[in-house]
Amino acid sequence: MKKRIAIFISGRGSNMEAIVREARNGILRDVCEIVLVFSNRPDAAGLEIARKAGITTACIPSKGKKREVFDREILDLLEPLQVDLIVLAGYMRLLSPV
């Protein structure tokens, strides 16, 4: 059974692009499915790249939020997607133990 992964980005998404390419046609093809690309920055160019690739995207701006509150919002987003693994691909924030 393929692992369901969410990729977290904060910018251009070049690392995310490489993961998407391998998940579709390369060494990751048989082991994972990308169910979400997430960013804390609405202007992250990688979100548009993911959309064009047909991948669901989401953005929750982190500015002005306490880390635990922000991380709880992310968990609320991820839980219905049944994500097995979060890949931090150029994601520029620390995660709390929430």
PDB file of N, CA and C in Angstrom:
ATOM      1  N   MET A   1       0.840  -1.180   0.000  1.00  0.00           N
ATOM      2  CA  MET A   1       0.000   0.000   0.000  1.00  0.00           C
ATOM      3  C   MET A   1       0.889   1.249   0.000  1.00  0.00           C
ATOM      4  N   LYS A   2       0.569   2.187  -0.860  1.00  0.00           N
ATOM      5  CA  LYS A   2       1.356   3.410  -0.962  1.00  0.00           C
ATOM      6  C   LYS A   2       1.166   4.294   0.263  1.00  0.00           C
ATOM      7  N   LYS A   3       2.252   4.915   0.696  1.00  0.00           N
ATOM      8  CA  LYS A   3       2.198   5.884   1.792  1.00  0.00           C
ATOM      9  C   LYS A   3       1.641   7.200   1.259  1.00  0.00           C
ATOM     10  N   ARG A   4       0.770   7.804   2.046  1.00  0.00           N
ATOM     11  CA  ARG A   4       0.170   9.089   1.685  1.00  0.00           C
ATOM     12  C   ARG A   4       1.040  10.195   2.287  1.00  0.00           C
ATOM     13  N   ILE A   5       1.584  11.048   1.417  1.00  0.00           N
ATOM     14  CA  ILE A   5       2.483  12.067   1.928  1.00  0.00           C
ATOM     15  C   ILE A   5       1.964  13.477   1.653  1.00  0.00           C
ATOM     16  N   ALA A   6       2.317  14.359   2.569  1.00  0.00           N
ATOM     17  CA  ALA A   6       2.088  15.794   2.409  1.00  0.00           C
ATOM     18  C   ALA A   6       3.464  16.439   2.352  1.00  0.00           C
ATOM     19  N   ILE A   7       3.640  17.326   1.393  1.00  0.00           N
ATOM     20  CA  ILE A   7       4.906  18.032   1.247  1.00  0.00           C
ATOM     21  C   ILE A   7       4.708  19.461   1.722  1.00  0.00           C
ATOM     22  N   PHE A   8       5.563  19.896   2.630  1.00  0.00           N
ATOM     23  CA  PHE A   8       5.516  21.263   3.151  1.00  0.00           C
ATOM     24  C   PHE A   8       6.610  22.079   2.474  1.00  0.00           C
ATOM     25  N   ILE A   9       6.237  23.263   1.973  1.00  0.00           N
ATOM     26  CA  ILE A   9       7.184  24.153   1.304  1.00  0.00           C
ATOM     27  C   ILE A   9       7.026  25.570   1.852  1.00  0.00           C
ATOM     28  N   SER A  10       8.029  26.394   1.589  1.00  0.00           N
ATOM     29  CA  SER A  10       7.923  27.809   1.951  1.00  0.00           C
ATOM     30  C   SER A  10       8.283  28.730   0.791  1.00  0.00           C
ATOM     31  N   GLY A  11       8.731  28.170  -0.312  1.00  0.00           N
ATOM     32  CA  GLY A  11       9.192  29.025  -1.403  1.00  0.00           C
ATOM     33  C   GLY A  11       8.911  28.466  -2.779  1.00  0.00           C
ATOM     34  N   ARG A  12       9.969  28.383  -3.590  1.00  0.00           N
ATOM     35  CA  ARG A  12       9.830  28.013  -5.001  1.00  0.00           C
ATOM     36  C   ARG A  12       9.338  26.594  -5.224  1.00  0.00           C
ATOM     37  N   GLY A  13       9.664  25.710  -4.325  1.00  0.00           N
ATOM     38  CA  GLY A  13       9.200  24.335  -4.471  1.00  0.00           C
ATOM     39  C   GLY A  13      10.085  23.454  -5.324  1.00  0.00           C
ATOM     40  N   SER A  14      11.357  23.803  -5.486  1.00  0.00           N
ATOM     41  CA  SER A  14      12.234  22.989  -6.331  1.00  0.00           C
ATOM     42  C   SER A  14      12.431  21.584  -5.754  1.00  0.00           C
ATOM     43  N   ASN A  15      12.556  21.468  -4.449  1.00  0.00           N
ATOM     44  CA  ASN A  15      12.663  20.134  -3.836  1.00  0.00           C
ATOM     45  C   ASN A  15      11.359  19.367  -4.003  1.00  0.00           C
ATOM     46  N   MET A  16      10.241  20.065  -3.844  1.00  0.00           N
ATOM     47  CA  MET A  16       8.930  19.441  -4.027  1.00  0.00           C
ATOM     48  C   MET A  16       8.784  18.918  -5.451  1.00  0.00           C
ATOM     49  N   GLU A  17       9.230  19.694  -6.432  1.00  0.00           N
ATOM     50  CA  GLU A  17       9.150  19.258  -7.832  1.00  0.00           C
ATOM     51  C   GLU A  17       9.897  17.950  -8.047  1.00  0.00           C
ATOM     52  N   ALA A  18      11.070  17.827  -7.457  1.00  0.00           N
ATOM     53  CA  ALA A  18      11.852  16.600  -7.602  1.00  0.00           C
ATOM     54  C   ALA A  18      11.130  15.415  -6.968  1.00  0.00           C
ATOM     55  N   ILE A  19      10.515  15.635  -5.828  1.00  0.00           N
ATOM     56  CA  ILE A  19       9.773  14.562  -5.164  1.00  0.00           C
ATOM     57  C   ILE A  19       8.558  14.160  -5.996  1.00  0.00           C
ATOM     58  N   VAL A  20       7.847  15.137  -6.530  1.00  0.00           N
ATOM     59  CA  VAL A  20       6.679  14.855  -7.380  1.00  0.00           C
ATOM     60  C   VAL A  20       7.109  14.036  -8.596  1.00  0.00           C
ATOM     61  N   ARG A  21       8.187  14.444  -9.232  1.00  0.00           N
ATOM     62  CA  ARG A  21       8.680  13.731 -10.413  1.00  0.00           C
ATOM     63  C   ARG A  21       8.985  12.269 -10.076  1.00  0.00           C
ATOM     64  N   GLU A  22       9.666  12.045  -8.959  1.00  0.00           N
ATOM     65  CA  GLU A  22      10.014  10.675  -8.576  1.00  0.00           C
ATOM     66  C   GLU A  22       8.792   9.875  -8.126  1.00  0.00           C
ATOM     67  N   ALA A  23       7.821  10.544  -7.517  1.00  0.00           N
ATOM     68  CA  ALA A  23       6.600   9.855  -7.075  1.00  0.00           C
ATOM     69  C   ALA A  23       5.746   9.435  -8.265  1.00  0.00           C
ATOM     70  N   ARG A  24       5.861  10.160  -9.349  1.00  0.00           N
ATOM     71  CA  ARG A  24       5.045   9.845 -10.530  1.00  0.00           C
ATOM     72  C   ARG A  24       5.739   8.898 -11.492  1.00  0.00           C
ATOM     73  N   ASN A  25       7.038   9.076 -11.676  1.00  0.00           N
ATOM     74  CA  ASN A  25       7.726   8.322 -12.726  1.00  0.00           C
ATOM     75  C   ASN A  25       9.033   7.673 -12.303  1.00  0.00           C
ATOM     76  N   GLY A  26       9.418   7.827 -11.069  1.00  0.00           N
ATOM     77  CA  GLY A  26      10.738   7.355 -10.659  1.00  0.00           C
ATOM     78  C   GLY A  26      10.711   6.340  -9.541  1.00  0.00           C
ATOM     79  N   ILE A  27      11.728   6.429  -8.710  1.00  0.00           N
ATOM     80  CA  ILE A  27      11.927   5.414  -7.680  1.00  0.00           C
ATOM     81  C   ILE A  27      10.859   5.422  -6.588  1.00  0.00           C
ATOM     82  N   LEU A  28      10.107   6.495  -6.469  1.00  0.00           N
ATOM     83  CA  LEU A  28       9.054   6.559  -5.445  1.00  0.00           C
ATOM     84  C   LEU A  28       7.677   6.150  -5.976  1.00  0.00           C
ATOM     85  N   ARG A  29       7.589   5.870  -7.248  1.00  0.00           N
ATOM     86  CA  ARG A  29       6.308   5.604  -7.912  1.00  0.00           C
ATOM     87  C   ARG A  29       5.469   4.534  -7.214  1.00  0.00           C
ATOM     88  N   ASP A  30       6.094   3.493  -6.759  1.00  0.00           N
ATOM     89  CA  ASP A  30       5.346   2.386  -6.165  1.00  0.00           C
ATOM     90  C   ASP A  30       5.188   2.488  -4.654  1.00  0.00           C
ATOM     91  N   VAL A  31       5.764   3.523  -4.043  1.00  0.00           N
ATOM     92  CA  VAL A  31       5.747   3.577  -2.582  1.00  0.00           C
ATOM     93  C   VAL A  31       4.989   4.753  -1.982  1.00  0.00           C
ATOM     94  N   CYS A  32       4.704   5.787  -2.778  1.00  0.00           N
ATOM     95  CA  CYS A  32       4.017   6.928  -2.174  1.00  0.00           C
ATOM     96  C   CYS A  32       3.065   7.622  -3.140  1.00  0.00           C
ATOM     97  N   GLU A  33       2.146   8.332  -2.537  1.00  0.00           N
ATOM     98  CA  GLU A  33       1.164   9.147  -3.250  1.00  0.00           C
ATOM     99  C   GLU A  33       1.157  10.517  -2.572  1.00  0.00           C
ATOM    100  N   ILE A  34       1.330  11.572  -3.349  1.00  0.00           N
ATOM    101  CA  ILE A  34       1.329  12.921  -2.785  1.00  0.00           C
ATOM    102  C   ILE A  34      -0.114  13.399  -2.708  1.00  0.00           C
ATOM    103  N   VAL A  35      -0.594  13.603  -1.488  1.00  0.00           N
ATOM    104  CA  VAL A  35      -1.990  13.995  -1.299  1.00  0.00           C
ATOM    105  C   VAL A  35      -2.154  15.482  -1.030  1.00  0.00           C
ATOM    106  N   LEU A  36      -1.037  16.184  -0.737  1.00  0.00           N
ATOM    107  CA  LEU A  36      -1.140  17.609  -0.431  1.00  0.00           C
ATOM    108  C   LEU A  36       0.227  18.271  -0.520  1.00  0.00           C
ATOM    109  N   VAL A  37       0.215  19.503  -1.039  1.00  0.00           N
ATOM    110  CA  VAL A  37       1.366  20.395  -0.893  1.00  0.00           C
ATOM    111  C   VAL A  37       0.875  21.565  -0.057  1.00  0.00           C
ATOM    112  N   PHE A  38       1.580  21.820   1.036  1.00  0.00           N
ATOM    113  CA  PHE A  38       1.174  22.843   2.000  1.00  0.00           C
ATOM    114  C   PHE A  38       2.252  23.905   2.125  1.00  0.00           C
ATOM    115  N   SER A  39       1.817  25.153   2.327  1.00  0.00           N
ATOM    116  CA  SER A  39       2.752  26.231   2.629  1.00  0.00           C
ATOM    117  C   SER A  39       2.175  27.160   3.680  1.00  0.00           C
ATOM    118  N   ASN A  40       3.067  27.778   4.409  1.00  0.00           N
ATOM    119  CA  ASN A  40       2.675  28.818   5.358  1.00  0.00           C
ATOM    120  C   ASN A  40       2.718  30.193   4.695  1.00  0.00           C
ATOM    121  N   ARG A  41       3.143  30.235   3.442  1.00  0.00           N
ATOM    122  CA  ARG A  41       3.253  31.498   2.713  1.00  0.00           C
ATOM    123  C   ARG A  41       2.357  31.482   1.483  1.00  0.00           C
ATOM    124  N   PRO A  42       1.350  32.361   1.435  1.00  0.00           N
ATOM    125  CA  PRO A  42       0.437  32.383   0.287  1.00  0.00           C
ATOM    126  C   PRO A  42       1.138  32.690  -1.032  1.00  0.00           C
ATOM    127  N   ASP A  43       2.287  33.368  -0.973  1.00  0.00           N
ATOM    128  CA  ASP A  43       3.005  33.736  -2.189  1.00  0.00           C
ATOM    129  C   ASP A  43       4.055  32.699  -2.598  1.00  0.00           C
ATOM    130  N   ALA A  44       4.076  31.552  -1.969  1.00  0.00           N
ATOM    131  CA  ALA A  44       5.054  30.512  -2.314  1.00  0.00           C
ATOM    132  C   ALA A  44       4.806  30.025  -3.739  1.00  0.00           C
ATOM    133  N   ALA A  45       5.785  30.207  -4.595  1.00  0.00           N
ATOM    134  CA  ALA A  45       5.645  29.840  -6.008  1.00  0.00           C
ATOM    135  C   ALA A  45       5.376  28.350  -6.187  1.00  0.00           C
ATOM    136  N   GLY A  46       5.855  27.542  -5.270  1.00  0.00           N
ATOM    137  CA  GLY A  46       5.657  26.100  -5.372  1.00  0.00           C
ATOM    138  C   GLY A  46       4.200  25.676  -5.314  1.00  0.00           C
ATOM    139  N   LEU A  47       3.346  26.485  -4.703  1.00  0.00           N
ATOM    140  CA  LEU A  47       1.918  26.149  -4.659  1.00  0.00           C
ATOM    141  C   LEU A  47       1.327  26.114  -6.061  1.00  0.00           C
ATOM    142  N   GLU A  48       1.689  27.074  -6.883  1.00  0.00           N
ATOM    143  CA  GLU A  48       1.179  27.105  -8.259  1.00  0.00           C
ATOM    144  C   GLU A  48       1.737  25.947  -9.074  1.00  0.00           C
ATOM    145  N   ILE A  49       2.983  25.615  -8.850  1.00  0.00           N
ATOM    146  CA  ILE A  49       3.584  24.468  -9.539  1.00  0.00           C
ATOM    147  C   ILE A  49       2.825  23.196  -9.183  1.00  0.00           C
ATOM    148  N   ALA A  50       2.512  23.026  -7.908  1.00  0.00           N
ATOM    149  CA  ALA A  50       1.764  21.838  -7.469  1.00  0.00           C
ATOM    150  C   ALA A  50       0.366  21.824  -8.078  1.00  0.00           C
ATOM    151  N   ARG A  51      -0.301  22.972  -8.094  1.00  0.00           N
ATOM    152  CA  ARG A  51      -1.647  23.040  -8.696  1.00  0.00           C
ATOM    153  C   ARG A  51      -1.606  22.621 -10.160  1.00  0.00           C
ATOM    154  N   LYS A  52      -0.626  23.140 -10.891  1.00  0.00           N
ATOM    155  CA  LYS A  52      -0.498  22.796 -12.314  1.00  0.00           C
ATOM    156  C   LYS A  52      -0.228  21.309 -12.507  1.00  0.00           C
ATOM    157  N   ALA A  53       0.365  20.679 -11.504  1.00  0.00           N
ATOM    158  CA  ALA A  53       0.627  19.236 -11.562  1.00  0.00           C
ATOM    159  C   ALA A  53      -0.580  18.423 -11.101  1.00  0.00           C
ATOM    160  N   GLY A  54      -1.665  19.121 -10.742  1.00  0.00           N
ATOM    161  CA  GLY A  54      -2.878  18.425 -10.327  1.00  0.00           C
ATOM    162  C   GLY A  54      -2.873  17.960  -8.884  1.00  0.00           C
ATOM    163  N   ILE A  55      -2.031  18.554  -8.069  1.00  0.00           N
ATOM    164  CA  ILE A  55      -1.923  18.170  -6.660  1.00  0.00           C
ATOM    165  C   ILE A  55      -2.701  19.173  -5.816  1.00  0.00           C
ATOM    166  N   THR A  56      -3.444  18.687  -4.862  1.00  0.00           N
ATOM    167  CA  THR A  56      -4.185  19.548  -3.940  1.00  0.00           C
ATOM    168  C   THR A  56      -3.200  20.392  -3.143  1.00  0.00           C
ATOM    169  N   THR A  57      -3.523  21.675  -2.999  1.00  0.00           N
ATOM    170  CA  THR A  57      -2.668  22.576  -2.230  1.00  0.00           C
ATOM    171  C   THR A  57      -3.471  23.230  -1.118  1.00  0.00           C
ATOM    172  N   ALA A  58      -2.742  23.693  -0.114  1.00  0.00           N
ATOM    173  CA  ALA A  58      -3.368  24.435   0.980  1.00  0.00           C
ATOM    174  C   ALA A  58      -2.340  25.399   1.549  1.00  0.00           C
ATOM    175  N   CYS A  59      -2.856  26.511   2.053  1.00  0.00           N
ATOM    176  CA  CYS A  59      -1.995  27.497   2.692  1.00  0.00           C
ATOM    177  C   CYS A  59      -2.687  28.010   3.941  1.00  0.00           C
ATOM    178  N   ILE A  60      -1.948  27.998   5.023  1.00  0.00           N
ATOM    179  CA  ILE A  60      -2.394  28.628   6.263  1.00  0.00           C
ATOM    180  C   ILE A  60      -1.281  29.595   6.644  1.00  0.00           C
ATOM    181  N   PRO A  61      -1.522  30.892   6.523  1.00  0.00           N
ATOM    182  CA  PRO A  61      -0.479  31.855   6.887  1.00  0.00           C
ATOM    183  C   PRO A  61      -0.117  31.742   8.370  1.00  0.00           C
ATOM    184  N   SER A  62       1.181  31.773   8.642  1.00  0.00           N
ATOM    185  CA  SER A  62       1.661  31.619  10.014  1.00  0.00           C
ATOM    186  C   SER A  62       1.912  32.952  10.708  1.00  0.00           C
ATOM    187  N   LYS A  63       1.971  33.998   9.950  1.00  0.00           N
ATOM    188  CA  LYS A  63       2.345  35.303  10.507  1.00  0.00           C
ATOM    189  C   LYS A  63       1.396  35.719  11.627  1.00  0.00           C
ATOM    190  N   GLY A  64       1.989  36.069  12.768  1.00  0.00           N
ATOM    191  CA  GLY A  64       1.226  36.566  13.900  1.00  0.00           C
ATOM    192  C   GLY A  64       0.566  35.506  14.761  1.00  0.00           C
ATOM    193  N   LYS A  65       0.815  34.229  14.465  1.00  0.00           N
ATOM    194  CA  LYS A  65       0.192  33.151  15.242  1.00  0.00           C
ATOM    195  C   LYS A  65       1.226  32.490  16.145  1.00  0.00           C
ATOM    196  N   LYS A  66       0.786  32.056  17.306  1.00  0.00           N
ATOM    197  CA  LYS A  66       1.651  31.252  18.167  1.00  0.00           C
ATOM    198  C   LYS A  66       1.879  29.906  17.488  1.00  0.00           C
ATOM    199  N   ARG A  67       3.071  29.371  17.670  1.00  0.00           N
ATOM    200  CA  ARG A  67       3.448  28.135  16.986  1.00  0.00           C
ATOM    201  C   ARG A  67       2.464  26.999  17.259  1.00  0.00           C
ATOM    202  N   GLU A  68       2.063  26.802  18.506  1.00  0.00           N
ATOM    203  CA  GLU A  68       1.173  25.691  18.834  1.00  0.00           C
ATOM    204  C   GLU A  68      -0.201  25.857  18.178  1.00  0.00           C
ATOM    205  N   VAL A  69      -0.698  27.083  18.119  1.00  0.00           N
ATOM    206  CA  VAL A  69      -1.996  27.351  17.476  1.00  0.00           C
ATOM    207  C   VAL A  69      -1.896  27.061  15.982  1.00  0.00           C
ATOM    208  N   PHE A  70      -0.836  27.553  15.371  1.00  0.00           N
ATOM    209  CA  PHE A  70      -0.618  27.328  13.945  1.00  0.00           C
ATOM    210  C   PHE A  70      -0.482  25.837  13.639  1.00  0.00           C
ATOM    211  N   ASP A  71       0.321  25.137  14.424  1.00  0.00           N
ATOM    212  CA  ASP A  71       0.515  23.706  14.193  1.00  0.00           C
ATOM    213  C   ASP A  71      -0.778  22.919  14.388  1.00  0.00           C
ATOM    214  N   ARG A  72      -1.621  23.330  15.314  1.00  0.00           N
ATOM    215  CA  ARG A  72      -2.915  22.666  15.506  1.00  0.00           C
ATOM    216  C   ARG A  72      -3.784  22.851  14.261  1.00  0.00           C
ATOM    217  N   GLU A  73      -3.749  24.039  13.652  1.00  0.00           N
ATOM    218  CA  GLU A  73      -4.505  24.279  12.420  1.00  0.00           C
ATOM    219  C   GLU A  73      -4.022  23.351  11.302  1.00  0.00           C
ATOM    220  N   ILE A  74      -2.714  23.137  11.249  1.00  0.00           N
ATOM    221  CA  ILE A  74      -2.170  22.217  10.247  1.00  0.00           C
ATOM    222  C   ILE A  74      -2.662  20.798  10.510  1.00  0.00           C
ATOM    223  N   LEU A  75      -2.616  20.369  11.762  1.00  0.00           N
ATOM    224  CA  LEU A  75      -3.103  19.021  12.092  1.00  0.00           C
ATOM    225  C   LEU A  75      -4.565  18.844  11.712  1.00  0.00           C
ATOM    226  N   ASP A  76      -5.363  19.859  11.963  1.00  0.00           N
ATOM    227  CA  ASP A  76      -6.781  19.795  11.594  1.00  0.00           C
ATOM    228  C   ASP A  76      -6.951  19.643  10.086  1.00  0.00           C
ATOM    229  N   LEU A  77      -6.054  20.243   9.320  1.00  0.00           N
ATOM    230  CA  LEU A  77      -6.076  20.105   7.866  1.00  0.00           C
ATOM    231  C   LEU A  77      -5.655  18.703   7.438  1.00  0.00           C
ATOM    232  N   LEU A  78      -4.641  18.161   8.085  1.00  0.00           N
ATOM    233  CA  LEU A  78      -4.059  16.881   7.671  1.00  0.00           C
ATOM    234  C   LEU A  78      -4.869  15.659   8.085  1.00  0.00           C
ATOM    235  N   GLU A  79      -5.502  15.702   9.227  1.00  0.00           N
ATOM    236  CA  GLU A  79      -6.176  14.506   9.750  1.00  0.00           C
ATOM    237  C   GLU A  79      -7.171  13.875   8.775  1.00  0.00           C
ATOM    238  N   PRO A  80      -8.057  14.639   8.128  1.00  0.00           N
ATOM    239  CA  PRO A  80      -8.993  13.991   7.200  1.00  0.00           C
ATOM    240  C   PRO A  80      -8.308  13.379   5.972  1.00  0.00           C
ATOM    241  N   LEU A  81      -7.100  13.829   5.668  1.00  0.00           N
ATOM    242  CA  LEU A  81      -6.376  13.309   4.506  1.00  0.00           C
ATOM    243  C   LEU A  81      -5.642  12.012   4.808  1.00  0.00           C
ATOM    244  N   GLN A  82      -5.609  11.619   6.067  1.00  0.00           N
ATOM    245  CA  GLN A  82      -4.943  10.386   6.497  1.00  0.00           C
ATOM    246  C   GLN A  82      -3.496  10.315   5.998  1.00  0.00           C
ATOM    247  N   VAL A  83      -2.755  11.374   6.275  1.00  0.00           N
ATOM    248  CA  VAL A  83      -1.364  11.482   5.850  1.00  0.00           C
ATOM    249  C   VAL A  83      -0.492  10.557   6.694  1.00  0.00           C
ATOM    250  N   ASP A  84       0.356   9.783   6.016  1.00  0.00           N
ATOM    251  CA  ASP A  84       1.291   8.893   6.700  1.00  0.00           C
ATOM    252  C   ASP A  84       2.625   9.570   6.999  1.00  0.00           C
ATOM    253  N   LEU A  85       2.996  10.528   6.158  1.00  0.00           N
ATOM    254  CA  LEU A  85       4.323  11.121   6.260  1.00  0.00           C
ATOM    255  C   LEU A  85       4.278  12.574   5.811  1.00  0.00           C
ATOM    256  N   ILE A  86       4.944  13.439   6.561  1.00  0.00           N
ATOM    257  CA  ILE A  86       5.106  14.839   6.180  1.00  0.00           C
ATOM    258  C   ILE A  86       6.550  15.021   5.740  1.00  0.00           C
ATOM    259  N   VAL A  87       6.732  15.567   4.544  1.00  0.00           N
ATOM    260  CA  VAL A  87       8.064  15.829   4.013  1.00  0.00           C
ATOM    261  C   VAL A  87       8.304  17.333   4.051  1.00  0.00           C
ATOM    262  N   LEU A  88       9.317  17.749   4.800  1.00  0.00           N
ATOM    263  CA  LEU A  88       9.665  19.169   4.895  1.00  0.00           C
ATOM    264  C   LEU A  88      10.674  19.469   3.790  1.00  0.00           C
ATOM    265  N   ALA A  89      10.173  19.940   2.660  1.00  0.00           N
ATOM    266  CA  ALA A  89      10.996  20.178   1.472  1.00  0.00           C
ATOM    267  C   ALA A  89      11.204  21.679   1.297  1.00  0.00           C
ATOM    268  N   GLY A  90      12.149  22.220   2.049  1.00  0.00           N
ATOM    269  CA  GLY A  90      12.375  23.654   2.003  1.00  0.00           C
ATOM    270  C   GLY A  90      11.407  24.429   2.872  1.00  0.00           C
ATOM    271  N   TYR A  91      10.762  23.749   3.785  1.00  0.00           N
ATOM    272  CA  TYR A  91       9.832  24.403   4.709  1.00  0.00           C
ATOM    273  C   TYR A  91      10.659  25.101   5.774  1.00  0.00           C
ATOM    274  N   MET A  92      10.429  26.386   5.954  1.00  0.00           N
ATOM    275  CA  MET A  92      11.314  27.210   6.770  1.00  0.00           C
ATOM    276  C   MET A  92      10.787  27.506   8.172  1.00  0.00           C
ATOM    277  N   ARG A  93      10.003  26.605   8.731  1.00  0.00           N
ATOM    278  CA  ARG A  93       9.509  26.778  10.104  1.00  0.00           C
ATOM    279  C   ARG A  93       9.805  25.524  10.912  1.00  0.00           C
ATOM    280  N   LEU A  94       9.969  25.729  12.200  1.00  0.00           N
ATOM    281  CA  LEU A  94      10.095  24.599  13.118  1.00  0.00           C
ATOM    282  C   LEU A  94       8.700  24.109  13.468  1.00  0.00           C
ATOM    283  N   LEU A  95       8.579  22.818  13.706  1.00  0.00           N
ATOM    284  CA  LEU A  95       7.299  22.244  14.110  1.00  0.00           C
ATOM    285  C   LEU A  95       7.314  21.986  15.611  1.00  0.00           C
ATOM    286  N   SER A  96       6.187  22.224  16.242  1.00  0.00           N
ATOM    287  CA  SER A  96       6.069  21.951  17.674  1.00  0.00           C
ATOM    288  C   SER A  96       5.648  20.497  17.875  1.00  0.00           C
ATOM    289  N   PRO A  97       5.700  19.990  19.110  1.00  0.00           N
ATOM    290  CA  PRO A  97       5.282  18.610  19.363  1.00  0.00           C
ATOM    291  C   PRO A  97       3.773  18.393  19.297  1.00  0.00           C
ATOM    292  N   VAL A  98       2.995  19.417  18.963  1.00  0.00           N
ATOM    293  CA  VAL A  98       1.533  19.280  18.887  1.00  0.00           C
ATOM    294  C   VAL A  98       1.238  18.102  18.011  1.00  0.00           C
TER     295      VAL A  98
END
